[in-house]
Amino acid sequence: MNFSNQLKKYRELHGFSQEILAEKIYVTRQTISKWENDKTYPDIHNLIALSVLFEISLDELVKGDVVIMKNIIANEKMDKDVKGMLLFLFLTLIMGVPSIIIFGIKGFIPFGILWGFGMYFAIKIEIAKKKYNIKTFKEIVAFSEGNSNLEELQNKRQNKDYFKEKALIVFIFTLVAGILTLVVGLLTVLFLKL
C-alpha cells in the first residue's frame, strides 16, 4: 500500500524518529514500524491523528490506497460471482440433466432453478465486466489478480484475430458442455437400467 511510503516520507520531513512519532500519537514504536513495513494498517483514529500532526489531509496521507482498496473489493466480488456461476452451472449439469431424464417434463423445474441461479451470477459478472471494460476471460483473470497487463490485453482485443479466437472459445465451450451433458445423460440412463 502507498500509506507506508507516505508515513515514512512525512515522518522524515518533520524530523521524527519512529519512537518520537509513536509518543506523539500514543502508540508504540513497533506499531509505527509495522505501519511503515506494510504489516498492519492504522485505524481511522490513528490516521486522523497522523493527518493532524503532519498538517495534511487524510486523502494526502492515504494517497492511492483508497483506489487500491476499491479494486481489491471489486476483485473479491467478481471472484465470488465467478465461483457462484460455475458452481450452479456444474450443479445444473450434474443434477438438472438427470432430473429431466428421470422425471420427464417435471424434471425441468430443478434444472430451471439451478440454471437460473447460474445465470444470476453470470449477469452480475457481465455488469462488472461492463463497469471495468473487461471482455475476455484473460482480462477477468488479470483484473482479479490486479495485474498491470490488463490494458495490454484490452488493446489486443482490438486485433482482427480476436473475433476468431472468441468464436473458437465459444465453440469449444459449447462442445465440451454438450459432451458432458451427453455423458451425464448416458450415465443416468445406464444407472436407471440397473
N, C-alpha and C. Protein backbone atom coordinates (compact mmCIF):
# COMPACT_ATOMS: atom_id res chain seq x y z
N MET A 1 0.84 -1.19 0.00
CA MET A 1 0.00 0.00 0.00
C MET A 1 0.89 1.25 0.00
N ASN A 2 0.33 2.35 -0.41
CA ASN A 2 1.07 3.59 -0.52
C ASN A 2 1.20 4.30 0.82
N PHE A 3 0.33 3.98 1.78
CA PHE A 3 0.35 4.65 3.08
C PHE A 3 1.71 4.54 3.74
N SER A 4 2.33 3.36 3.67
CA SER A 4 3.62 3.16 4.34
C SER A 4 4.66 4.15 3.82
N ASN A 5 4.67 4.37 2.52
CA ASN A 5 5.62 5.33 1.93
C ASN A 5 5.31 6.76 2.38
N GLN A 6 4.02 7.10 2.39
CA GLN A 6 3.61 8.44 2.81
C GLN A 6 3.98 8.68 4.28
N LEU A 7 3.72 7.70 5.12
CA LEU A 7 4.03 7.84 6.54
C LEU A 7 5.52 8.08 6.75
N LYS A 8 6.33 7.27 6.12
CA LYS A 8 7.79 7.42 6.27
C LYS A 8 8.25 8.77 5.74
N LYS A 9 7.71 9.18 4.60
CA LYS A 9 8.09 10.47 4.00
C LYS A 9 7.77 11.63 4.94
N TYR A 10 6.53 11.68 5.45
CA TYR A 10 6.15 12.79 6.32
C TYR A 10 6.83 12.72 7.69
N ARG A 11 7.08 11.52 8.18
CA ARG A 11 7.80 11.39 9.45
C ARG A 11 9.20 11.97 9.31
N GLU A 12 9.87 11.62 8.22
CA GLU A 12 11.23 12.12 7.99
C GLU A 12 11.24 13.62 7.69
N LEU A 13 10.23 14.12 6.96
CA LEU A 13 10.15 15.56 6.67
C LEU A 13 10.03 16.38 7.95
N HIS A 14 9.34 15.83 8.95
CA HIS A 14 9.18 16.52 10.22
C HIS A 14 10.31 16.22 11.20
N GLY A 15 11.26 15.39 10.77
CA GLY A 15 12.42 15.08 11.60
C GLY A 15 12.10 14.20 12.79
N PHE A 16 11.06 13.39 12.68
CA PHE A 16 10.68 12.50 13.78
C PHE A 16 11.32 11.13 13.59
N SER A 17 11.79 10.56 14.67
CA SER A 17 12.15 9.14 14.64
C SER A 17 10.85 8.35 14.81
N GLN A 18 10.92 7.06 14.62
CA GLN A 18 9.72 6.24 14.84
C GLN A 18 9.27 6.35 16.29
N GLU A 19 10.22 6.40 17.20
CA GLU A 19 9.89 6.48 18.63
C GLU A 19 9.21 7.80 18.98
N ILE A 20 9.72 8.91 18.46
CA ILE A 20 9.13 10.22 18.74
C ILE A 20 7.71 10.30 18.15
N LEU A 21 7.54 9.81 16.92
CA LEU A 21 6.21 9.82 16.30
C LEU A 21 5.25 8.96 17.12
N ALA A 22 5.73 7.82 17.58
CA ALA A 22 4.89 6.92 18.38
C ALA A 22 4.41 7.63 19.65
N GLU A 23 5.30 8.36 20.31
CA GLU A 23 4.94 9.08 21.53
C GLU A 23 3.89 10.16 21.24
N LYS A 24 4.04 10.83 20.10
CA LYS A 24 3.14 11.94 19.77
C LYS A 24 1.70 11.47 19.50
N ILE A 25 1.54 10.25 18.99
CA ILE A 25 0.17 9.79 18.71
C ILE A 25 -0.24 8.63 19.63
N TYR A 26 0.57 8.40 20.68
CA TYR A 26 0.23 7.42 21.73
C TYR A 26 0.11 5.98 21.24
N VAL A 27 1.12 5.57 20.46
CA VAL A 27 1.24 4.16 20.07
C VAL A 27 2.68 3.74 20.34
N THR A 28 2.99 2.48 20.10
CA THR A 28 4.36 2.01 20.32
C THR A 28 5.20 2.23 19.07
N ARG A 29 6.52 2.23 19.26
CA ARG A 29 7.44 2.35 18.13
C ARG A 29 7.26 1.16 17.18
N GLN A 30 6.97 -0.02 17.75
CA GLN A 30 6.76 -1.21 16.93
C GLN A 30 5.54 -1.04 16.01
N THR A 31 4.54 -0.34 16.50
CA THR A 31 3.35 -0.08 15.68
C THR A 31 3.72 0.78 14.48
N ILE A 32 4.50 1.82 14.71
CA ILE A 32 4.94 2.68 13.60
C ILE A 32 5.75 1.85 12.60
N SER A 33 6.64 1.01 13.12
CA SER A 33 7.45 0.16 12.25
C SER A 33 6.56 -0.77 11.42
N LYS A 34 5.55 -1.35 12.03
CA LYS A 34 4.64 -2.24 11.29
C LYS A 34 3.89 -1.47 10.20
N TRP A 35 3.49 -0.24 10.50
CA TRP A 35 2.80 0.57 9.50
C TRP A 35 3.72 0.88 8.32
N GLU A 36 4.96 1.23 8.64
CA GLU A 36 5.91 1.60 7.59
C GLU A 36 6.35 0.40 6.76
N ASN A 37 6.23 -0.79 7.30
CA ASN A 37 6.63 -2.00 6.58
C ASN A 37 5.43 -2.76 6.02
N ASP A 38 4.26 -2.12 5.98
CA ASP A 38 3.04 -2.71 5.41
C ASP A 38 2.60 -4.00 6.10
N LYS A 39 2.92 -4.12 7.39
CA LYS A 39 2.50 -5.32 8.12
C LYS A 39 1.11 -5.13 8.73
N THR A 40 0.78 -3.90 9.08
CA THR A 40 -0.55 -3.57 9.58
C THR A 40 -0.95 -2.22 9.01
N TYR A 41 -2.22 -1.88 9.21
CA TYR A 41 -2.75 -0.61 8.71
C TYR A 41 -3.43 0.09 9.89
N PRO A 42 -3.20 1.37 10.06
CA PRO A 42 -3.78 2.07 11.22
C PRO A 42 -5.29 2.20 11.13
N ASP A 43 -5.92 2.31 12.30
CA ASP A 43 -7.36 2.56 12.31
C ASP A 43 -7.62 4.03 12.00
N ILE A 44 -8.87 4.38 11.87
CA ILE A 44 -9.23 5.75 11.45
C ILE A 44 -8.78 6.79 12.46
N HIS A 45 -8.80 6.45 13.74
CA HIS A 45 -8.38 7.41 14.77
C HIS A 45 -6.90 7.76 14.62
N ASN A 46 -6.08 6.75 14.37
CA ASN A 46 -4.65 7.00 14.18
C ASN A 46 -4.38 7.73 12.86
N LEU A 47 -5.16 7.42 11.83
CA LEU A 47 -5.00 8.15 10.57
C LEU A 47 -5.30 9.63 10.76
N ILE A 48 -6.35 9.92 11.50
CA ILE A 48 -6.71 11.32 11.77
C ILE A 48 -5.61 12.00 12.60
N ALA A 49 -5.12 11.30 13.62
CA ALA A 49 -4.04 11.87 14.45
C ALA A 49 -2.81 12.17 13.61
N LEU A 50 -2.47 11.26 12.69
CA LEU A 50 -1.31 11.49 11.82
C LEU A 50 -1.54 12.66 10.87
N SER A 51 -2.74 12.75 10.30
CA SER A 51 -3.00 13.85 9.37
C SER A 51 -2.98 15.20 10.08
N VAL A 52 -3.47 15.24 11.33
CA VAL A 52 -3.43 16.49 12.11
C VAL A 52 -1.98 16.83 12.45
N LEU A 53 -1.24 15.84 12.90
CA LEU A 53 0.17 16.06 13.29
C LEU A 53 1.00 16.55 12.11
N PHE A 54 0.82 15.92 10.95
CA PHE A 54 1.60 16.30 9.76
C PHE A 54 0.99 17.49 9.01
N GLU A 55 -0.20 17.93 9.45
CA GLU A 55 -0.92 19.05 8.83
C GLU A 55 -1.18 18.80 7.34
N ILE A 56 -1.69 17.60 7.06
CA ILE A 56 -2.07 17.22 5.70
C ILE A 56 -3.46 16.58 5.76
N SER A 57 -4.10 16.48 4.60
CA SER A 57 -5.42 15.86 4.56
C SER A 57 -5.29 14.34 4.65
N LEU A 58 -6.37 13.70 5.05
CA LEU A 58 -6.39 12.23 5.06
C LEU A 58 -6.14 11.70 3.65
N ASP A 59 -6.70 12.39 2.67
CA ASP A 59 -6.52 11.97 1.28
C ASP A 59 -5.05 11.94 0.90
N GLU A 60 -4.31 12.95 1.30
CA GLU A 60 -2.88 13.01 1.00
C GLU A 60 -2.13 11.91 1.74
N LEU A 61 -2.55 11.62 2.96
CA LEU A 61 -1.87 10.60 3.76
C LEU A 61 -2.07 9.20 3.18
N VAL A 62 -3.27 8.90 2.74
CA VAL A 62 -3.55 7.56 2.21
C VAL A 62 -3.61 7.57 0.69
N LYS A 63 -2.95 8.53 0.09
CA LYS A 63 -2.96 8.73 -1.35
C LYS A 63 -2.77 7.40 -2.10
N GLY A 64 -3.74 7.08 -2.93
CA GLY A 64 -3.66 5.87 -3.74
C GLY A 64 -4.24 4.64 -3.07
N ASP A 65 -4.25 4.60 -1.75
CA ASP A 65 -4.71 3.40 -1.05
C ASP A 65 -6.20 3.17 -1.23
N VAL A 66 -6.99 4.23 -1.31
CA VAL A 66 -8.44 4.08 -1.46
C VAL A 66 -8.76 3.41 -2.79
N VAL A 67 -8.08 3.80 -3.85
CA VAL A 67 -8.29 3.18 -5.16
C VAL A 67 -7.89 1.72 -5.12
N ILE A 68 -6.75 1.43 -4.49
CA ILE A 68 -6.28 0.05 -4.37
C ILE A 68 -7.30 -0.77 -3.59
N MET A 69 -7.82 -0.23 -2.49
CA MET A 69 -8.79 -0.95 -1.67
C MET A 69 -10.09 -1.22 -2.45
N LYS A 70 -10.54 -0.22 -3.22
CA LYS A 70 -11.75 -0.41 -4.03
C LYS A 70 -11.55 -1.52 -5.05
N ASN A 71 -10.36 -1.55 -5.67
CA ASN A 71 -10.07 -2.61 -6.65
C ASN A 71 -10.04 -3.98 -5.99
N ILE A 72 -9.48 -4.06 -4.79
CA ILE A 72 -9.43 -5.34 -4.07
C ILE A 72 -10.84 -5.82 -3.78
N ILE A 73 -11.71 -4.91 -3.33
CA ILE A 73 -13.10 -5.28 -3.04
C ILE A 73 -13.81 -5.73 -4.31
N ALA A 74 -13.60 -5.01 -5.41
CA ALA A 74 -14.23 -5.38 -6.69
C ALA A 74 -13.73 -6.75 -7.15
N ASN A 75 -12.43 -7.00 -6.98
CA ASN A 75 -11.86 -8.29 -7.36
C ASN A 75 -12.49 -9.42 -6.57
N GLU A 76 -12.65 -9.21 -5.26
CA GLU A 76 -13.22 -10.25 -4.40
C GLU A 76 -14.67 -10.54 -4.79
N LYS A 77 -15.44 -9.48 -5.10
CA LYS A 77 -16.83 -9.69 -5.51
C LYS A 77 -16.90 -10.46 -6.82
N MET A 78 -16.03 -10.11 -7.77
CA MET A 78 -16.04 -10.80 -9.05
C MET A 78 -15.64 -12.26 -8.87
N ASP A 79 -14.65 -12.52 -8.02
CA ASP A 79 -14.24 -13.91 -7.76
C ASP A 79 -15.41 -14.72 -7.21
N LYS A 80 -16.16 -14.15 -6.27
CA LYS A 80 -17.32 -14.86 -5.69
C LYS A 80 -18.38 -15.12 -6.76
N ASP A 81 -18.61 -14.14 -7.63
CA ASP A 81 -19.61 -14.30 -8.67
C ASP A 81 -19.21 -15.38 -9.68
N VAL A 82 -17.92 -15.42 -10.04
CA VAL A 82 -17.44 -16.44 -10.97
C VAL A 82 -17.60 -17.82 -10.34
N LYS A 83 -17.22 -17.95 -9.07
CA LYS A 83 -17.35 -19.24 -8.38
C LYS A 83 -18.82 -19.65 -8.27
N GLY A 84 -19.71 -18.70 -7.97
CA GLY A 84 -21.14 -18.99 -7.89
C GLY A 84 -21.69 -19.45 -9.23
N MET A 85 -21.31 -18.77 -10.30
CA MET A 85 -21.79 -19.14 -11.63
C MET A 85 -21.32 -20.55 -11.99
N LEU A 86 -20.04 -20.82 -11.80
CA LEU A 86 -19.51 -22.14 -12.14
C LEU A 86 -20.15 -23.24 -11.30
N LEU A 87 -20.36 -22.98 -10.02
CA LEU A 87 -20.99 -23.96 -9.14
C LEU A 87 -22.39 -24.32 -9.63
N PHE A 88 -23.20 -23.30 -9.89
CA PHE A 88 -24.58 -23.57 -10.30
C PHE A 88 -24.68 -24.15 -11.70
N LEU A 89 -23.79 -23.78 -12.59
CA LEU A 89 -23.81 -24.40 -13.92
C LEU A 89 -23.37 -25.86 -13.83
N PHE A 90 -22.42 -26.15 -12.96
CA PHE A 90 -22.00 -27.54 -12.72
C PHE A 90 -23.15 -28.34 -12.10
N LEU A 91 -23.83 -27.76 -11.10
CA LEU A 91 -24.98 -28.44 -10.49
C LEU A 91 -26.11 -28.65 -11.50
N THR A 92 -26.29 -27.69 -12.40
CA THR A 92 -27.31 -27.83 -13.45
C THR A 92 -26.99 -29.05 -14.30
N LEU A 93 -25.73 -29.20 -14.64
CA LEU A 93 -25.31 -30.32 -15.48
C LEU A 93 -25.44 -31.64 -14.73
N ILE A 94 -24.94 -31.69 -13.50
CA ILE A 94 -24.89 -32.93 -12.73
C ILE A 94 -26.27 -33.34 -12.20
N MET A 95 -27.07 -32.38 -11.76
CA MET A 95 -28.37 -32.71 -11.16
C MET A 95 -29.54 -32.43 -12.11
N GLY A 96 -29.41 -31.38 -12.91
CA GLY A 96 -30.53 -30.97 -13.76
C GLY A 96 -30.79 -31.93 -14.90
N VAL A 97 -29.74 -32.37 -15.59
CA VAL A 97 -29.91 -33.28 -16.73
C VAL A 97 -30.51 -34.61 -16.26
N PRO A 98 -29.98 -35.23 -15.18
CA PRO A 98 -30.62 -36.47 -14.73
C PRO A 98 -32.07 -36.28 -14.29
N SER A 99 -32.38 -35.13 -13.70
CA SER A 99 -33.77 -34.90 -13.27
C SER A 99 -34.72 -34.86 -14.46
N ILE A 100 -34.26 -34.34 -15.59
CA ILE A 100 -35.11 -34.33 -16.79
C ILE A 100 -35.30 -35.75 -17.30
N ILE A 101 -34.23 -36.53 -17.29
CA ILE A 101 -34.32 -37.91 -17.78
C ILE A 101 -35.22 -38.75 -16.86
N ILE A 102 -35.07 -38.56 -15.56
CA ILE A 102 -35.82 -39.37 -14.60
C ILE A 102 -37.28 -38.95 -14.51
N PHE A 103 -37.52 -37.64 -14.38
CA PHE A 103 -38.87 -37.15 -14.11
C PHE A 103 -39.58 -36.58 -15.32
N GLY A 104 -38.93 -36.59 -16.47
CA GLY A 104 -39.55 -36.06 -17.68
C GLY A 104 -39.76 -34.57 -17.60
N ILE A 105 -40.93 -34.10 -17.95
CA ILE A 105 -41.23 -32.66 -18.00
C ILE A 105 -41.09 -31.99 -16.64
N LYS A 106 -41.42 -32.71 -15.56
CA LYS A 106 -41.29 -32.15 -14.21
C LYS A 106 -39.82 -31.96 -13.83
N GLY A 107 -38.95 -32.69 -14.49
CA GLY A 107 -37.52 -32.57 -14.23
C GLY A 107 -36.94 -31.24 -14.66
N PHE A 108 -37.69 -30.50 -15.48
CA PHE A 108 -37.21 -29.18 -15.91
C PHE A 108 -37.27 -28.16 -14.76
N ILE A 109 -38.04 -28.44 -13.72
CA ILE A 109 -38.15 -27.49 -12.60
C ILE A 109 -36.81 -27.34 -11.88
N PRO A 110 -36.21 -28.44 -11.37
CA PRO A 110 -34.90 -28.25 -10.72
C PRO A 110 -33.83 -27.77 -11.71
N PHE A 111 -33.91 -28.26 -12.95
CA PHE A 111 -32.98 -27.81 -13.98
C PHE A 111 -33.07 -26.30 -14.16
N GLY A 112 -34.30 -25.80 -14.28
CA GLY A 112 -34.52 -24.36 -14.47
C GLY A 112 -34.08 -23.53 -13.27
N ILE A 113 -34.34 -24.03 -12.07
CA ILE A 113 -33.95 -23.29 -10.86
C ILE A 113 -32.42 -23.18 -10.78
N LEU A 114 -31.73 -24.32 -10.98
CA LEU A 114 -30.27 -24.29 -10.92
C LEU A 114 -29.69 -23.42 -12.03
N TRP A 115 -30.25 -23.54 -13.23
CA TRP A 115 -29.79 -22.73 -14.36
C TRP A 115 -30.02 -21.25 -14.06
N GLY A 116 -31.18 -20.93 -13.46
CA GLY A 116 -31.50 -19.54 -13.11
C GLY A 116 -30.48 -18.93 -12.15
N PHE A 117 -30.08 -19.71 -11.13
CA PHE A 117 -29.05 -19.20 -10.20
C PHE A 117 -27.72 -18.99 -10.92
N GLY A 118 -27.37 -19.91 -11.81
CA GLY A 118 -26.14 -19.76 -12.60
C GLY A 118 -26.18 -18.49 -13.44
N MET A 119 -27.34 -18.22 -14.06
CA MET A 119 -27.48 -17.03 -14.89
C MET A 119 -27.47 -15.74 -14.05
N TYR A 120 -27.99 -15.82 -12.82
CA TYR A 120 -27.95 -14.66 -11.92
C TYR A 120 -26.50 -14.22 -11.70
N PHE A 121 -25.63 -15.20 -11.41
CA PHE A 121 -24.22 -14.86 -11.20
C PHE A 121 -23.56 -14.43 -12.51
N ALA A 122 -23.96 -15.03 -13.63
CA ALA A 122 -23.41 -14.64 -14.93
C ALA A 122 -23.76 -13.18 -15.25
N ILE A 123 -24.98 -12.77 -14.92
CA ILE A 123 -25.40 -11.39 -15.16
C ILE A 123 -24.59 -10.43 -14.29
N LYS A 124 -24.36 -10.82 -13.02
CA LYS A 124 -23.54 -9.97 -12.14
C LYS A 124 -22.12 -9.82 -12.70
N ILE A 125 -21.59 -10.89 -13.28
CA ILE A 125 -20.25 -10.83 -13.89
C ILE A 125 -20.28 -9.90 -15.10
N GLU A 126 -21.32 -9.99 -15.92
CA GLU A 126 -21.43 -9.13 -17.10
C GLU A 126 -21.51 -7.66 -16.70
N ILE A 127 -22.24 -7.36 -15.63
CA ILE A 127 -22.33 -5.98 -15.15
C ILE A 127 -20.95 -5.48 -14.74
N ALA A 128 -20.21 -6.31 -14.00
CA ALA A 128 -18.85 -5.93 -13.58
C ALA A 128 -17.93 -5.79 -14.79
N LYS A 129 -18.10 -6.66 -15.78
CA LYS A 129 -17.27 -6.58 -16.99
C LYS A 129 -17.50 -5.26 -17.71
N LYS A 130 -18.75 -4.82 -17.78
CA LYS A 130 -19.03 -3.54 -18.44
C LYS A 130 -18.47 -2.38 -17.63
N LYS A 131 -18.61 -2.46 -16.31
CA LYS A 131 -18.15 -1.39 -15.45
C LYS A 131 -16.64 -1.18 -15.56
N TYR A 132 -15.88 -2.30 -15.67
CA TYR A 132 -14.42 -2.21 -15.70
C TYR A 132 -13.85 -2.45 -17.09
N ASN A 133 -14.72 -2.43 -18.14
CA ASN A 133 -14.31 -2.62 -19.53
C ASN A 133 -13.51 -3.91 -19.71
N ILE A 134 -14.07 -5.00 -19.19
CA ILE A 134 -13.44 -6.31 -19.29
C ILE A 134 -14.27 -7.14 -20.26
N LYS A 135 -13.62 -7.78 -21.23
CA LYS A 135 -14.36 -8.53 -22.24
C LYS A 135 -14.01 -10.02 -22.26
N THR A 136 -12.76 -10.38 -22.02
CA THR A 136 -12.35 -11.77 -22.16
C THR A 136 -12.02 -12.40 -20.82
N PHE A 137 -11.93 -13.73 -20.82
CA PHE A 137 -11.59 -14.47 -19.61
C PHE A 137 -10.20 -14.06 -19.12
N LYS A 138 -9.26 -13.89 -20.06
CA LYS A 138 -7.90 -13.47 -19.67
C LYS A 138 -7.94 -12.12 -18.97
N GLU A 139 -8.79 -11.22 -19.44
CA GLU A 139 -8.91 -9.91 -18.82
C GLU A 139 -9.53 -10.02 -17.43
N ILE A 140 -10.51 -10.92 -17.26
CA ILE A 140 -11.11 -11.13 -15.94
C ILE A 140 -10.05 -11.61 -14.97
N VAL A 141 -9.23 -12.58 -15.40
CA VAL A 141 -8.17 -13.10 -14.54
C VAL A 141 -7.17 -11.99 -14.21
N ALA A 142 -6.77 -11.22 -15.21
CA ALA A 142 -5.82 -10.12 -14.99
C ALA A 142 -6.40 -9.10 -14.01
N PHE A 143 -7.70 -8.78 -14.17
CA PHE A 143 -8.35 -7.83 -13.26
C PHE A 143 -8.40 -8.39 -11.85
N SER A 144 -8.78 -9.67 -11.73
CA SER A 144 -8.91 -10.29 -10.41
C SER A 144 -7.59 -10.37 -9.68
N GLU A 145 -6.51 -10.56 -10.44
CA GLU A 145 -5.19 -10.65 -9.82
C GLU A 145 -4.53 -9.28 -9.69
N GLY A 146 -5.18 -8.26 -10.19
CA GLY A 146 -4.62 -6.91 -10.10
C GLY A 146 -3.41 -6.72 -11.00
N ASN A 147 -3.32 -7.50 -12.08
CA ASN A 147 -2.17 -7.40 -12.99
C ASN A 147 -2.19 -6.10 -13.76
N SER A 148 -0.99 -5.64 -14.08
CA SER A 148 -0.87 -4.40 -14.82
C SER A 148 -1.03 -4.60 -16.32
N ASN A 149 -1.08 -5.87 -16.78
CA ASN A 149 -1.18 -6.10 -18.22
C ASN A 149 -2.63 -6.11 -18.72
N LEU A 150 -3.56 -5.65 -17.90
CA LEU A 150 -4.96 -5.59 -18.31
C LEU A 150 -5.13 -4.70 -19.54
N GLU A 151 -4.46 -3.54 -19.56
CA GLU A 151 -4.57 -2.64 -20.71
C GLU A 151 -4.01 -3.28 -21.98
N GLU A 152 -2.93 -4.03 -21.83
CA GLU A 152 -2.33 -4.72 -22.98
C GLU A 152 -3.31 -5.74 -23.56
N LEU A 153 -3.99 -6.47 -22.67
CA LEU A 153 -4.98 -7.44 -23.12
C LEU A 153 -6.17 -6.76 -23.79
N GLN A 154 -6.56 -5.59 -23.25
CA GLN A 154 -7.67 -4.86 -23.85
C GLN A 154 -7.29 -4.34 -25.24
N ASN A 155 -6.06 -3.91 -25.41
CA ASN A 155 -5.60 -3.45 -26.72
C ASN A 155 -5.54 -4.61 -27.72
N LYS A 156 -5.12 -5.79 -27.24
CA LYS A 156 -5.04 -6.97 -28.09
C LYS A 156 -6.43 -7.34 -28.61
N ARG A 157 -7.45 -7.08 -27.80
CA ARG A 157 -8.82 -7.38 -28.17
C ARG A 157 -9.23 -6.63 -29.45
N GLN A 158 -8.62 -5.50 -29.71
CA GLN A 158 -8.96 -4.71 -30.89
C GLN A 158 -8.44 -5.37 -32.18
N ASN A 159 -7.55 -6.34 -32.04
CA ASN A 159 -6.95 -7.03 -33.16
C ASN A 159 -8.02 -7.84 -33.92
N LYS A 160 -7.80 -8.06 -35.25
CA LYS A 160 -8.74 -8.80 -36.08
C LYS A 160 -8.91 -10.24 -35.61
N ASP A 161 -7.85 -10.84 -35.15
CA ASP A 161 -7.89 -12.24 -34.75
C ASP A 161 -8.71 -12.46 -33.48
N TYR A 162 -9.07 -11.39 -32.80
CA TYR A 162 -9.85 -11.51 -31.56
C TYR A 162 -11.18 -12.20 -31.81
N PHE A 163 -11.86 -11.84 -32.91
CA PHE A 163 -13.16 -12.44 -33.22
C PHE A 163 -13.01 -13.94 -33.46
N LYS A 164 -11.99 -14.33 -34.21
CA LYS A 164 -11.75 -15.75 -34.47
C LYS A 164 -11.47 -16.49 -33.17
N GLU A 165 -10.64 -15.91 -32.32
CA GLU A 165 -10.29 -16.52 -31.04
C GLU A 165 -11.53 -16.68 -30.16
N LYS A 166 -12.36 -15.65 -30.12
CA LYS A 166 -13.57 -15.71 -29.30
C LYS A 166 -14.54 -16.76 -29.84
N ALA A 167 -14.71 -16.82 -31.16
CA ALA A 167 -15.60 -17.81 -31.77
C ALA A 167 -15.10 -19.23 -31.46
N LEU A 168 -13.80 -19.43 -31.51
CA LEU A 168 -13.23 -20.73 -31.19
C LEU A 168 -13.47 -21.11 -29.73
N ILE A 169 -13.32 -20.15 -28.84
CA ILE A 169 -13.56 -20.41 -27.41
C ILE A 169 -15.02 -20.79 -27.18
N VAL A 170 -15.96 -20.05 -27.79
CA VAL A 170 -17.39 -20.36 -27.64
C VAL A 170 -17.68 -21.75 -28.20
N PHE A 171 -17.11 -22.08 -29.35
CA PHE A 171 -17.33 -23.38 -29.96
C PHE A 171 -16.82 -24.50 -29.05
N ILE A 172 -15.61 -24.35 -28.54
CA ILE A 172 -15.02 -25.37 -27.66
C ILE A 172 -15.83 -25.51 -26.37
N PHE A 173 -16.23 -24.39 -25.78
CA PHE A 173 -17.04 -24.44 -24.56
C PHE A 173 -18.36 -25.17 -24.82
N THR A 174 -19.02 -24.84 -25.92
CA THR A 174 -20.29 -25.48 -26.26
C THR A 174 -20.08 -26.98 -26.51
N LEU A 175 -19.01 -27.32 -27.19
CA LEU A 175 -18.70 -28.72 -27.46
C LEU A 175 -18.46 -29.50 -26.17
N VAL A 176 -17.66 -28.94 -25.28
CA VAL A 176 -17.37 -29.59 -24.00
C VAL A 176 -18.64 -29.73 -23.17
N ALA A 177 -19.45 -28.67 -23.09
CA ALA A 177 -20.70 -28.72 -22.34
C ALA A 177 -21.64 -29.77 -22.94
N GLY A 178 -21.71 -29.84 -24.27
CA GLY A 178 -22.55 -30.84 -24.93
C GLY A 178 -22.10 -32.26 -24.63
N ILE A 179 -20.79 -32.48 -24.69
CA ILE A 179 -20.23 -33.81 -24.40
C ILE A 179 -20.51 -34.19 -22.94
N LEU A 180 -20.28 -33.25 -22.02
CA LEU A 180 -20.56 -33.53 -20.61
C LEU A 180 -22.04 -33.82 -20.38
N THR A 181 -22.91 -33.08 -21.04
CA THR A 181 -24.35 -33.32 -20.91
C THR A 181 -24.70 -34.71 -21.43
N LEU A 182 -24.13 -35.09 -22.56
CA LEU A 182 -24.36 -36.41 -23.13
C LEU A 182 -23.87 -37.51 -22.20
N VAL A 183 -22.67 -37.33 -21.64
CA VAL A 183 -22.10 -38.33 -20.72
C VAL A 183 -22.97 -38.47 -19.47
N VAL A 184 -23.36 -37.35 -18.88
CA VAL A 184 -24.21 -37.39 -17.69
C VAL A 184 -25.55 -38.05 -18.02
N GLY A 185 -26.11 -37.71 -19.16
CA GLY A 185 -27.38 -38.31 -19.58
C GLY A 185 -27.25 -39.82 -19.77
N LEU A 186 -26.20 -40.27 -20.45
CA LEU A 186 -25.99 -41.70 -20.66
C LEU A 186 -25.76 -42.43 -19.33
N LEU A 187 -24.97 -41.83 -18.45
CA LEU A 187 -24.74 -42.44 -17.14
C LEU A 187 -26.04 -42.57 -16.35
N THR A 188 -26.88 -41.55 -16.46
CA THR A 188 -28.17 -41.58 -15.76
C THR A 188 -29.05 -42.71 -16.31
N VAL A 189 -29.10 -42.82 -17.64
CA VAL A 189 -29.90 -43.88 -18.27
C VAL A 189 -29.36 -45.25 -17.87
N LEU A 190 -28.03 -45.43 -17.90
CA LEU A 190 -27.43 -46.70 -17.50
C LEU A 190 -27.73 -47.02 -16.02
N PHE A 191 -27.64 -46.00 -15.20
CA PHE A 191 -27.92 -46.20 -13.77
C PHE A 191 -29.37 -46.61 -13.56
N LEU A 192 -30.29 -46.01 -14.31
CA LEU A 192 -31.71 -46.35 -14.17
C LEU A 192 -32.02 -47.77 -14.64
N LYS A 193 -31.26 -48.28 -15.61
CA LYS A 193 -31.47 -49.63 -16.12
C LYS A 193 -30.96 -50.68 -15.14
N LEU A 194 -30.04 -50.30 -14.27
CA LEU A 194 -29.51 -51.26 -13.28
C LEU A 194 -30.48 -51.38 -12.19
